[in-house]
């Protein structure tokens, strides 16, 4: 699953450790999500969306979707 987590984190000048603490997970979890080796649980994805003030769909997309393109019907 593709994601914009690294970009969103960098825009706020947060370290992986700071983001991990805010979400209640380990820094290793954040790293694994950012390098697309781990897909977060739905509750964690909702926490991320709330923290960044956006929708889950604005953070994550399926591997074959372009994160910048509008959703297809």
C-alpha atoms as a PDB file:
ATOM      1  CA  UNK A   1       0.000   0.000   0.000  1.00  0.00           C
ATOM      2  CA  UNK A   2       1.407   3.383  -0.982  1.00  0.00           C
ATOM      3  CA  UNK A   3       1.343   6.226   1.506  1.00  0.00           C
ATOM      4  CA  UNK A   4       2.275   9.875   2.057  1.00  0.00           C
ATOM      5  CA  UNK A   5       3.229   9.457   5.710  1.00  0.00           C
ATOM      6  CA  UNK A   6       6.855  10.551   5.268  1.00  0.00           C
ATOM      7  CA  UNK A   7       5.765  13.689   3.379  1.00  0.00           C
ATOM      8  CA  UNK A   8       3.124  14.624   5.946  1.00  0.00           C
ATOM      9  CA  UNK A   9       5.576  14.067   8.786  1.00  0.00           C
ATOM     10  CA  UNK A  10       8.303  16.119   7.077  1.00  0.00           C
ATOM     11  CA  UNK A  11       5.893  19.007   6.430  1.00  0.00           C
ATOM     12  CA  UNK A  12       5.497  19.277  10.206  1.00  0.00           C
ATOM     13  CA  UNK A  13       9.205  18.782  10.944  1.00  0.00           C
ATOM     14  CA  UNK A  14       8.427  15.755  13.101  1.00  0.00           C
ATOM     15  CA  UNK A  15      10.911  12.938  13.600  1.00  0.00           C
ATOM     16  CA  UNK A  16       9.762   9.349  13.294  1.00  0.00           C
ATOM     17  CA  UNK A  17      10.094   9.099  17.068  1.00  0.00           C
ATOM     18  CA  UNK A  18       7.862  12.151  17.634  1.00  0.00           C
ATOM     19  CA  UNK A  19       5.183  10.808  15.319  1.00  0.00           C
ATOM     20  CA  UNK A  20       5.419   7.369  16.921  1.00  0.00           C
ATOM     21  CA  UNK A  21       4.932   8.862  20.380  1.00  0.00           C
ATOM     22  CA  UNK A  22       1.903  10.878  19.236  1.00  0.00           C
ATOM     23  CA  UNK A  23       0.356   7.718  17.799  1.00  0.00           C
ATOM     24  CA  UNK A  24       1.340   5.352  20.610  1.00  0.00           C
ATOM     25  CA  UNK A  25       3.475   3.079  18.439  1.00  0.00           C
ATOM     26  CA  UNK A  26       7.198   2.416  18.043  1.00  0.00           C
ATOM     27  CA  UNK A  27       9.530   4.369  15.781  1.00  0.00           C
ATOM     28  CA  UNK A  28      10.172   1.093  13.970  1.00  0.00           C
ATOM     29  CA  UNK A  29       6.464   0.859  13.147  1.00  0.00           C
ATOM     30  CA  UNK A  30       6.524   4.335  11.609  1.00  0.00           C
ATOM     31  CA  UNK A  31       9.610   3.432   9.582  1.00  0.00           C
ATOM     32  CA  UNK A  32       8.044   0.192   8.351  1.00  0.00           C
ATOM     33  CA  UNK A  33       4.896   2.041   7.244  1.00  0.00           C
ATOM     34  CA  UNK A  34       6.897   4.772   5.498  1.00  0.00           C
ATOM     35  CA  UNK A  35       8.967   2.251   3.507  1.00  0.00           C
ATOM     36  CA  UNK A  36       5.775   0.309   2.685  1.00  0.00           C
ATOM     37  CA  UNK A  37       6.818  -2.887   4.461  1.00  0.00           C
ATOM     38  CA  UNK A  38       3.864  -2.743   6.872  1.00  0.00           C
ATOM     39  CA  UNK A  39       0.238  -1.674   6.480  1.00  0.00           C
ATOM     40  CA  UNK A  40      -1.237  -0.137   9.624  1.00  0.00           C
ATOM     41  CA  UNK A  41      -4.370  -1.426  11.294  1.00  0.00           C
ATOM     42  CA  UNK A  42      -7.558   0.473  10.582  1.00  0.00           C
ATOM     43  CA  UNK A  43      -7.625   2.034  14.087  1.00  0.00           C
ATOM     44  CA  UNK A  44      -4.043   3.260  13.592  1.00  0.00           C
ATOM     45  CA  UNK A  45      -4.889   4.633  10.142  1.00  0.00           C
ATOM     46  CA  UNK A  46      -7.814   6.567  11.674  1.00  0.00           C
ATOM     47  CA  UNK A  47      -5.479   7.940  14.378  1.00  0.00           C
ATOM     48  CA  UNK A  48      -3.063   9.112  11.690  1.00  0.00           C
ATOM     49  CA  UNK A  49      -5.824  10.795   9.723  1.00  0.00           C
ATOM     50  CA  UNK A  50      -7.073  12.614  12.833  1.00  0.00           C
ATOM     51  CA  UNK A  51      -3.549  13.678  13.782  1.00  0.00           C
ATOM     52  CA  UNK A  52      -2.867  15.099  10.312  1.00  0.00           C
ATOM     53  CA  UNK A  53      -6.372  16.549   9.953  1.00  0.00           C
ATOM     54  CA  UNK A  54      -7.094  14.635   6.767  1.00  0.00           C
ATOM     55  CA  UNK A  55      -8.851  11.543   5.458  1.00  0.00           C
ATOM     56  CA  UNK A  56      -7.328   8.068   5.440  1.00  0.00           C
ATOM     57  CA  UNK A  57      -7.622   8.120   1.636  1.00  0.00           C
ATOM     58  CA  UNK A  58      -5.402  11.208   1.550  1.00  0.00           C
ATOM     59  CA  UNK A  59      -2.625   9.283   3.341  1.00  0.00           C
ATOM     60  CA  UNK A  60      -2.965   5.773   1.895  1.00  0.00           C
ATOM     61  CA  UNK A  61      -3.812   4.334  -1.498  1.00  0.00           C
ATOM     62  CA  UNK A  62      -3.616   0.981  -3.220  1.00  0.00           C
ATOM     63  CA  UNK A  63      -0.256   0.300  -4.860  1.00  0.00           C
ATOM     64  CA  UNK A  64      -1.648   0.825  -8.381  1.00  0.00           C
ATOM     65  CA  UNK A  65      -3.300   4.180  -7.596  1.00  0.00           C
ATOM     66  CA  UNK A  66      -1.651   7.566  -7.917  1.00  0.00           C
ATOM     67  CA  UNK A  67      -1.845   9.403  -4.579  1.00  0.00           C
ATOM     68  CA  UNK A  68      -2.253  12.731  -6.353  1.00  0.00           C
ATOM     69  CA  UNK A  69      -5.082  11.723  -8.683  1.00  0.00           C
ATOM     70  CA  UNK A  70      -8.765  12.104  -7.822  1.00  0.00           C
ATOM     71  CA  UNK A  71     -10.572   8.936  -6.789  1.00  0.00           C
ATOM     72  CA  UNK A  72     -12.171   6.957  -9.583  1.00  0.00           C
ATOM     73  CA  UNK A  73     -15.797   5.846  -9.432  1.00  0.00           C
END
